Amino acid sequence: MTKPTEAQCQRTIVDAARLCGWRVYHNRPTQDRNLRWRTALQGHAGFPDLVLVHATAKKVWFVELKRRPNRLQPEQLAWADELRAAGADYRLVWVPDELLDFCQELADVAGTPRPRPTTRVVLIDPGLRTP
């Protein structure tokens, strides 16, 4: 079985965050004329992949997603350092390894109730016999 890509993990996080009441920001890349992926930006490169805001929980998270063996680029490290120095909550999430734990943290912080386990009741007709 192949592991999900970083983009697939990001979609999962965005969906989970929205379900739990977080406001989500992501700057989506587009293809240029040469079919290269580019993200239009004004400012410094390396900004985190996601900004997640939960007003009720009074949380703002800057989230960078990475898939091993990739590493943070110097521009991404600079953003991480500056955000932390300013008191921001910066998160580096290794996907897919930490995906489920991070989604659970989104739910926990938002106060989203955990789903109750369901019990399946199977009625067996005593008149039925197996061959």
N, C-alpha and C. Protein backbone atom coordinates (compact mmCIF):
# COMPACT_ATOMS: atom_id res chain seq x y z
N MET A 1 0.84 -1.18 0.00
CA MET A 1 0.00 0.00 0.00
C MET A 1 0.89 1.24 0.00
N THR A 2 0.58 2.20 -0.87
CA THR A 2 1.38 3.42 -0.93
C THR A 2 0.87 4.43 0.10
N LYS A 3 1.80 5.19 0.61
CA LYS A 3 1.44 6.22 1.59
C LYS A 3 0.82 7.41 0.87
N PRO A 4 -0.10 8.10 1.55
CA PRO A 4 -0.71 9.28 0.92
C PRO A 4 0.34 10.38 0.71
N THR A 5 0.12 11.18 -0.31
CA THR A 5 1.03 12.28 -0.61
C THR A 5 0.82 13.41 0.40
N GLU A 6 1.72 14.37 0.38
CA GLU A 6 1.58 15.54 1.24
C GLU A 6 0.29 16.29 0.90
N ALA A 7 -0.02 16.40 -0.38
CA ALA A 7 -1.24 17.09 -0.81
C ALA A 7 -2.49 16.37 -0.30
N GLN A 8 -2.50 15.05 -0.36
CA GLN A 8 -3.64 14.28 0.14
C GLN A 8 -3.78 14.46 1.66
N CYS A 9 -2.68 14.45 2.36
CA CYS A 9 -2.71 14.67 3.81
C CYS A 9 -3.21 16.07 4.13
N GLN A 10 -2.79 17.04 3.34
CA GLN A 10 -3.25 18.42 3.56
C GLN A 10 -4.76 18.51 3.37
N ARG A 11 -5.30 17.87 2.34
CA ARG A 11 -6.75 17.88 2.13
C ARG A 11 -7.47 17.26 3.33
N THR A 12 -6.91 16.19 3.87
CA THR A 12 -7.50 15.53 5.04
C THR A 12 -7.51 16.49 6.23
N ILE A 13 -6.41 17.20 6.45
CA ILE A 13 -6.32 18.14 7.57
C ILE A 13 -7.30 19.29 7.37
N VAL A 14 -7.37 19.82 6.17
CA VAL A 14 -8.30 20.92 5.89
C VAL A 14 -9.74 20.47 6.13
N ASP A 15 -10.10 19.29 5.66
CA ASP A 15 -11.45 18.76 5.87
C ASP A 15 -11.74 18.58 7.36
N ALA A 16 -10.79 17.98 8.08
CA ALA A 16 -10.98 17.75 9.52
C ALA A 16 -11.11 19.07 10.26
N ALA A 17 -10.27 20.04 9.91
CA ALA A 17 -10.32 21.35 10.58
C ALA A 17 -11.67 22.01 10.37
N ARG A 18 -12.16 22.00 9.15
CA ARG A 18 -13.46 22.61 8.86
C ARG A 18 -14.58 21.91 9.63
N LEU A 19 -14.53 20.59 9.67
CA LEU A 19 -15.55 19.84 10.41
C LEU A 19 -15.56 20.19 11.90
N CYS A 20 -14.39 20.56 12.41
CA CYS A 20 -14.25 20.88 13.84
C CYS A 20 -14.41 22.38 14.11
N GLY A 21 -14.78 23.15 13.10
CA GLY A 21 -15.06 24.57 13.32
C GLY A 21 -13.87 25.50 13.19
N TRP A 22 -12.76 25.03 12.65
CA TRP A 22 -11.59 25.89 12.43
C TRP A 22 -11.79 26.65 11.13
N ARG A 23 -11.28 27.88 11.06
CA ARG A 23 -11.20 28.64 9.82
C ARG A 23 -9.84 28.32 9.23
N VAL A 24 -9.80 28.06 7.92
CA VAL A 24 -8.59 27.56 7.26
C VAL A 24 -8.14 28.52 6.16
N TYR A 25 -6.83 28.77 6.11
CA TYR A 25 -6.25 29.53 4.99
C TYR A 25 -5.12 28.70 4.39
N HIS A 26 -5.15 28.61 3.06
CA HIS A 26 -4.08 27.95 2.31
C HIS A 26 -3.95 28.66 0.97
N ASN A 27 -2.75 28.98 0.59
CA ASN A 27 -2.49 29.62 -0.69
C ASN A 27 -2.20 28.52 -1.70
N ARG A 28 -3.13 28.29 -2.60
CA ARG A 28 -3.05 27.17 -3.54
C ARG A 28 -2.15 27.50 -4.73
N PRO A 29 -1.20 26.61 -5.06
CA PRO A 29 -0.35 26.84 -6.23
C PRO A 29 -1.10 26.61 -7.54
N THR A 30 -0.60 27.22 -8.61
CA THR A 30 -1.15 27.01 -9.95
C THR A 30 0.00 26.72 -10.91
N GLN A 31 -0.34 26.22 -12.08
CA GLN A 31 0.68 25.93 -13.08
C GLN A 31 0.90 27.14 -13.97
N ASP A 32 2.19 27.41 -14.28
CA ASP A 32 2.50 28.50 -15.18
C ASP A 32 2.48 27.99 -16.63
N ARG A 33 2.87 28.84 -17.57
CA ARG A 33 2.84 28.46 -18.99
C ARG A 33 3.72 27.26 -19.31
N ASN A 34 4.77 27.07 -18.51
CA ASN A 34 5.69 25.96 -18.72
C ASN A 34 5.30 24.73 -17.91
N LEU A 35 4.07 24.76 -17.37
CA LEU A 35 3.52 23.66 -16.58
C LEU A 35 4.30 23.39 -15.29
N ARG A 36 4.96 24.43 -14.79
CA ARG A 36 5.63 24.33 -13.48
C ARG A 36 4.68 24.87 -12.43
N TRP A 37 4.68 24.23 -11.26
CA TRP A 37 3.82 24.68 -10.17
C TRP A 37 4.44 25.87 -9.48
N ARG A 38 3.65 26.93 -9.32
CA ARG A 38 4.11 28.17 -8.69
C ARG A 38 3.01 28.69 -7.75
N THR A 39 3.44 29.31 -6.68
CA THR A 39 2.50 29.97 -5.77
C THR A 39 2.78 31.46 -5.85
N ALA A 40 1.78 32.21 -6.28
CA ALA A 40 1.93 33.66 -6.35
C ALA A 40 2.07 34.19 -4.93
N LEU A 41 3.05 35.05 -4.72
CA LEU A 41 3.21 35.61 -3.39
C LEU A 41 3.80 37.00 -3.48
N GLN A 42 3.50 37.75 -2.45
CA GLN A 42 4.12 39.05 -2.28
C GLN A 42 4.67 39.03 -0.87
N GLY A 43 5.94 39.16 -0.74
CA GLY A 43 6.56 39.05 0.58
C GLY A 43 7.64 38.00 0.56
N HIS A 44 7.91 37.45 1.73
CA HIS A 44 8.99 36.47 1.88
C HIS A 44 8.50 35.06 1.57
N ALA A 45 9.31 34.30 0.88
CA ALA A 45 9.00 32.91 0.56
C ALA A 45 9.08 32.07 1.83
N GLY A 46 8.47 30.88 1.76
CA GLY A 46 8.60 29.93 2.85
C GLY A 46 7.50 29.99 3.90
N PHE A 47 6.44 30.78 3.65
CA PHE A 47 5.35 30.89 4.62
C PHE A 47 4.72 29.51 4.82
N PRO A 48 4.26 29.20 6.04
CA PRO A 48 3.68 27.87 6.31
C PRO A 48 2.51 27.53 5.39
N ASP A 49 2.28 26.24 5.24
CA ASP A 49 1.24 25.73 4.34
C ASP A 49 -0.16 26.15 4.74
N LEU A 50 -0.44 26.16 6.03
CA LEU A 50 -1.79 26.42 6.51
C LEU A 50 -1.78 27.40 7.66
N VAL A 51 -2.83 28.20 7.75
CA VAL A 51 -3.11 28.99 8.94
C VAL A 51 -4.48 28.53 9.41
N LEU A 52 -4.56 28.07 10.66
CA LEU A 52 -5.79 27.56 11.22
C LEU A 52 -6.19 28.45 12.40
N VAL A 53 -7.45 28.90 12.41
CA VAL A 53 -7.94 29.79 13.46
C VAL A 53 -9.20 29.20 14.07
N HIS A 54 -9.22 29.11 15.39
CA HIS A 54 -10.43 28.69 16.10
C HIS A 54 -10.73 29.75 17.15
N ALA A 55 -11.72 30.61 16.85
CA ALA A 55 -12.02 31.76 17.71
C ALA A 55 -12.50 31.35 19.09
N THR A 56 -13.35 30.34 19.15
CA THR A 56 -13.88 29.90 20.44
C THR A 56 -12.77 29.39 21.35
N ALA A 57 -11.86 28.63 20.78
CA ALA A 57 -10.72 28.09 21.54
C ALA A 57 -9.59 29.11 21.69
N LYS A 58 -9.74 30.25 21.00
CA LYS A 58 -8.72 31.31 21.02
C LYS A 58 -7.35 30.78 20.58
N LYS A 59 -7.35 30.10 19.44
CA LYS A 59 -6.12 29.50 18.89
C LYS A 59 -5.89 29.96 17.46
N VAL A 60 -4.63 30.25 17.16
CA VAL A 60 -4.17 30.50 15.80
C VAL A 60 -2.92 29.66 15.62
N TRP A 61 -2.96 28.75 14.66
CA TRP A 61 -1.83 27.86 14.39
C TRP A 61 -1.31 28.11 12.98
N PHE A 62 0.00 28.19 12.87
CA PHE A 62 0.69 28.23 11.59
C PHE A 62 1.28 26.83 11.40
N VAL A 63 0.87 26.16 10.33
CA VAL A 63 1.19 24.74 10.18
C VAL A 63 1.98 24.50 8.90
N GLU A 64 3.13 23.89 9.06
CA GLU A 64 3.96 23.45 7.93
C GLU A 64 3.87 21.94 7.86
N LEU A 65 3.56 21.41 6.69
CA LEU A 65 3.50 19.96 6.48
C LEU A 65 4.75 19.51 5.75
N LYS A 66 5.32 18.42 6.22
CA LYS A 66 6.50 17.85 5.56
C LYS A 66 6.37 16.35 5.52
N ARG A 67 6.88 15.79 4.46
CA ARG A 67 6.91 14.33 4.28
C ARG A 67 8.37 13.90 4.27
N ARG A 68 8.69 12.90 5.07
CA ARG A 68 10.07 12.42 5.12
C ARG A 68 10.45 11.82 3.77
N PRO A 69 11.64 12.01 3.29
CA PRO A 69 12.84 12.54 3.93
C PRO A 69 13.04 14.05 3.71
N ASN A 70 12.02 14.75 3.24
CA ASN A 70 12.15 16.19 2.99
C ASN A 70 12.50 16.93 4.27
N ARG A 71 13.12 18.09 4.10
CA ARG A 71 13.48 18.93 5.24
C ARG A 71 12.98 20.34 5.01
N LEU A 72 12.92 21.10 6.09
CA LEU A 72 12.55 22.51 5.94
C LEU A 72 13.64 23.24 5.16
N GLN A 73 13.21 24.07 4.24
CA GLN A 73 14.12 24.92 3.48
C GLN A 73 14.52 26.11 4.35
N PRO A 74 15.63 26.78 4.04
CA PRO A 74 16.06 27.93 4.85
C PRO A 74 14.97 28.99 5.01
N GLU A 75 14.19 29.25 3.95
CA GLU A 75 13.13 30.24 4.05
C GLU A 75 12.03 29.79 5.02
N GLN A 76 11.75 28.48 5.02
CA GLN A 76 10.75 27.94 5.94
C GLN A 76 11.24 27.98 7.38
N LEU A 77 12.52 27.70 7.57
CA LEU A 77 13.11 27.79 8.92
C LEU A 77 13.06 29.23 9.43
N ALA A 78 13.31 30.19 8.55
CA ALA A 78 13.26 31.60 8.96
C ALA A 78 11.86 31.97 9.43
N TRP A 79 10.81 31.53 8.69
CA TRP A 79 9.44 31.80 9.11
C TRP A 79 9.14 31.13 10.45
N ALA A 80 9.57 29.89 10.61
CA ALA A 80 9.33 29.17 11.87
C ALA A 80 9.97 29.93 13.04
N ASP A 81 11.21 30.34 12.86
CA ASP A 81 11.92 31.07 13.92
C ASP A 81 11.24 32.40 14.23
N GLU A 82 10.87 33.16 13.20
CA GLU A 82 10.26 34.47 13.40
C GLU A 82 8.88 34.34 14.06
N LEU A 83 8.09 33.38 13.61
CA LEU A 83 6.76 33.19 14.20
C LEU A 83 6.87 32.81 15.67
N ARG A 84 7.76 31.87 15.98
CA ARG A 84 7.94 31.47 17.38
C ARG A 84 8.45 32.63 18.23
N ALA A 85 9.39 33.40 17.69
CA ALA A 85 9.94 34.55 18.42
C ALA A 85 8.85 35.59 18.72
N ALA A 86 7.85 35.67 17.84
CA ALA A 86 6.75 36.61 18.02
C ALA A 86 5.65 36.04 18.92
N GLY A 87 5.83 34.81 19.39
CA GLY A 87 4.86 34.21 20.28
C GLY A 87 3.77 33.40 19.59
N ALA A 88 3.92 33.19 18.30
CA ALA A 88 2.91 32.43 17.54
C ALA A 88 3.06 30.93 17.79
N ASP A 89 1.99 30.21 17.57
CA ASP A 89 1.98 28.76 17.70
C ASP A 89 2.28 28.16 16.33
N TYR A 90 3.54 27.78 16.12
CA TYR A 90 4.00 27.21 14.85
C TYR A 90 4.06 25.70 15.01
N ARG A 91 3.48 24.98 14.05
CA ARG A 91 3.47 23.52 14.09
C ARG A 91 4.13 22.95 12.85
N LEU A 92 5.02 22.00 13.05
CA LEU A 92 5.59 21.21 11.96
C LEU A 92 4.98 19.83 12.09
N VAL A 93 4.24 19.40 11.08
CA VAL A 93 3.56 18.11 11.11
C VAL A 93 4.16 17.22 10.04
N TRP A 94 4.71 16.10 10.48
CA TRP A 94 5.27 15.12 9.54
C TRP A 94 4.15 14.22 9.07
N VAL A 95 3.86 14.30 7.77
CA VAL A 95 2.78 13.50 7.21
C VAL A 95 3.36 12.41 6.33
N PRO A 96 2.73 11.26 6.28
CA PRO A 96 1.49 10.89 6.94
C PRO A 96 1.67 10.41 8.38
N ASP A 97 2.90 10.34 8.87
CA ASP A 97 3.18 9.75 10.19
C ASP A 97 2.35 10.36 11.32
N GLU A 98 2.22 11.68 11.34
CA GLU A 98 1.53 12.37 12.44
C GLU A 98 0.12 12.84 12.06
N LEU A 99 -0.37 12.42 10.92
CA LEU A 99 -1.64 12.91 10.40
C LEU A 99 -2.81 12.66 11.36
N LEU A 100 -3.00 11.43 11.78
CA LEU A 100 -4.14 11.11 12.63
C LEU A 100 -4.06 11.82 13.98
N ASP A 101 -2.87 11.85 14.57
CA ASP A 101 -2.70 12.55 15.86
C ASP A 101 -3.01 14.03 15.73
N PHE A 102 -2.57 14.65 14.63
CA PHE A 102 -2.83 16.07 14.43
C PHE A 102 -4.33 16.33 14.24
N CYS A 103 -4.99 15.50 13.46
CA CYS A 103 -6.44 15.66 13.27
C CYS A 103 -7.17 15.48 14.60
N GLN A 104 -6.72 14.55 15.43
CA GLN A 104 -7.35 14.36 16.74
C GLN A 104 -7.12 15.59 17.62
N GLU A 105 -5.93 16.20 17.52
CA GLU A 105 -5.65 17.41 18.29
C GLU A 105 -6.56 18.56 17.84
N LEU A 106 -6.81 18.66 16.55
CA LEU A 106 -7.74 19.67 16.05
C LEU A 106 -9.11 19.50 16.72
N ALA A 107 -9.58 18.26 16.78
CA ALA A 107 -10.89 17.99 17.39
C ALA A 107 -10.87 18.27 18.89
N ASP A 108 -9.80 17.87 19.56
CA ASP A 108 -9.70 18.05 21.01
C ASP A 108 -9.69 19.53 21.38
N VAL A 109 -8.88 20.32 20.69
CA VAL A 109 -8.78 21.75 20.98
C VAL A 109 -10.11 22.44 20.70
N ALA A 110 -10.80 22.01 19.65
CA ALA A 110 -12.07 22.61 19.28
C ALA A 110 -13.21 22.17 20.20
N GLY A 111 -12.94 21.16 21.03
CA GLY A 111 -13.99 20.65 21.90
C GLY A 111 -15.02 19.82 21.16
N THR A 112 -14.61 19.29 20.02
CA THR A 112 -15.51 18.44 19.23
C THR A 112 -15.65 17.10 19.94
N PRO A 113 -16.88 16.69 20.23
CA PRO A 113 -17.05 15.42 20.93
C PRO A 113 -16.52 14.26 20.11
N ARG A 114 -15.94 13.33 20.81
CA ARG A 114 -15.44 12.13 20.14
C ARG A 114 -16.63 11.26 19.76
N PRO A 115 -16.55 10.64 18.61
CA PRO A 115 -17.67 9.78 18.23
C PRO A 115 -17.79 8.60 19.18
N ARG A 116 -19.02 8.24 19.48
CA ARG A 116 -19.24 7.08 20.34
C ARG A 116 -19.05 5.83 19.51
N PRO A 117 -18.45 4.81 20.11
CA PRO A 117 -18.34 3.55 19.37
C PRO A 117 -19.74 2.99 19.13
N THR A 118 -19.92 2.47 17.97
CA THR A 118 -21.23 1.90 17.66
C THR A 118 -21.22 0.41 17.97
N THR A 119 -22.33 -0.07 18.41
CA THR A 119 -22.46 -1.50 18.68
C THR A 119 -23.39 -2.08 17.63
N ARG A 120 -22.92 -3.09 16.97
CA ARG A 120 -23.75 -3.77 15.98
C ARG A 120 -24.38 -4.99 16.62
N VAL A 121 -25.65 -5.07 16.48
CA VAL A 121 -26.37 -6.23 17.00
C VAL A 121 -26.73 -7.12 15.82
N VAL A 122 -26.29 -8.33 15.90
CA VAL A 122 -26.58 -9.28 14.83
C VAL A 122 -27.55 -10.31 15.40
N LEU A 123 -28.71 -10.38 14.80
CA LEU A 123 -29.70 -11.36 15.23
C LEU A 123 -29.51 -12.61 14.40
N ILE A 124 -29.44 -13.70 15.09
CA ILE A 124 -29.26 -14.97 14.39
C ILE A 124 -30.56 -15.76 14.49
N ASP A 125 -31.06 -16.15 13.36
CA ASP A 125 -32.29 -16.94 13.32
C ASP A 125 -31.91 -18.38 13.66
N PRO A 126 -32.44 -18.91 14.77
CA PRO A 126 -32.08 -20.27 15.15
C PRO A 126 -32.51 -21.32 14.13
N GLY A 127 -33.43 -20.93 13.25
CA GLY A 127 -33.88 -21.89 12.23
C GLY A 127 -32.91 -22.03 11.08
N LEU A 128 -31.92 -21.10 10.97
CA LEU A 128 -30.94 -21.16 9.88
C LEU A 128 -29.82 -22.11 10.25
N ARG A 129 -29.44 -22.90 9.31
CA ARG A 129 -28.34 -23.84 9.55
C ARG A 129 -27.31 -23.65 8.45
N THR A 130 -26.08 -23.75 8.84
CA THR A 130 -25.01 -23.63 7.84
C THR A 130 -24.70 -25.01 7.31
N PRO A 131 -24.34 -25.13 6.05
CA PRO A 131 -24.06 -26.45 5.46
C PRO A 131 -22.83 -27.08 6.08
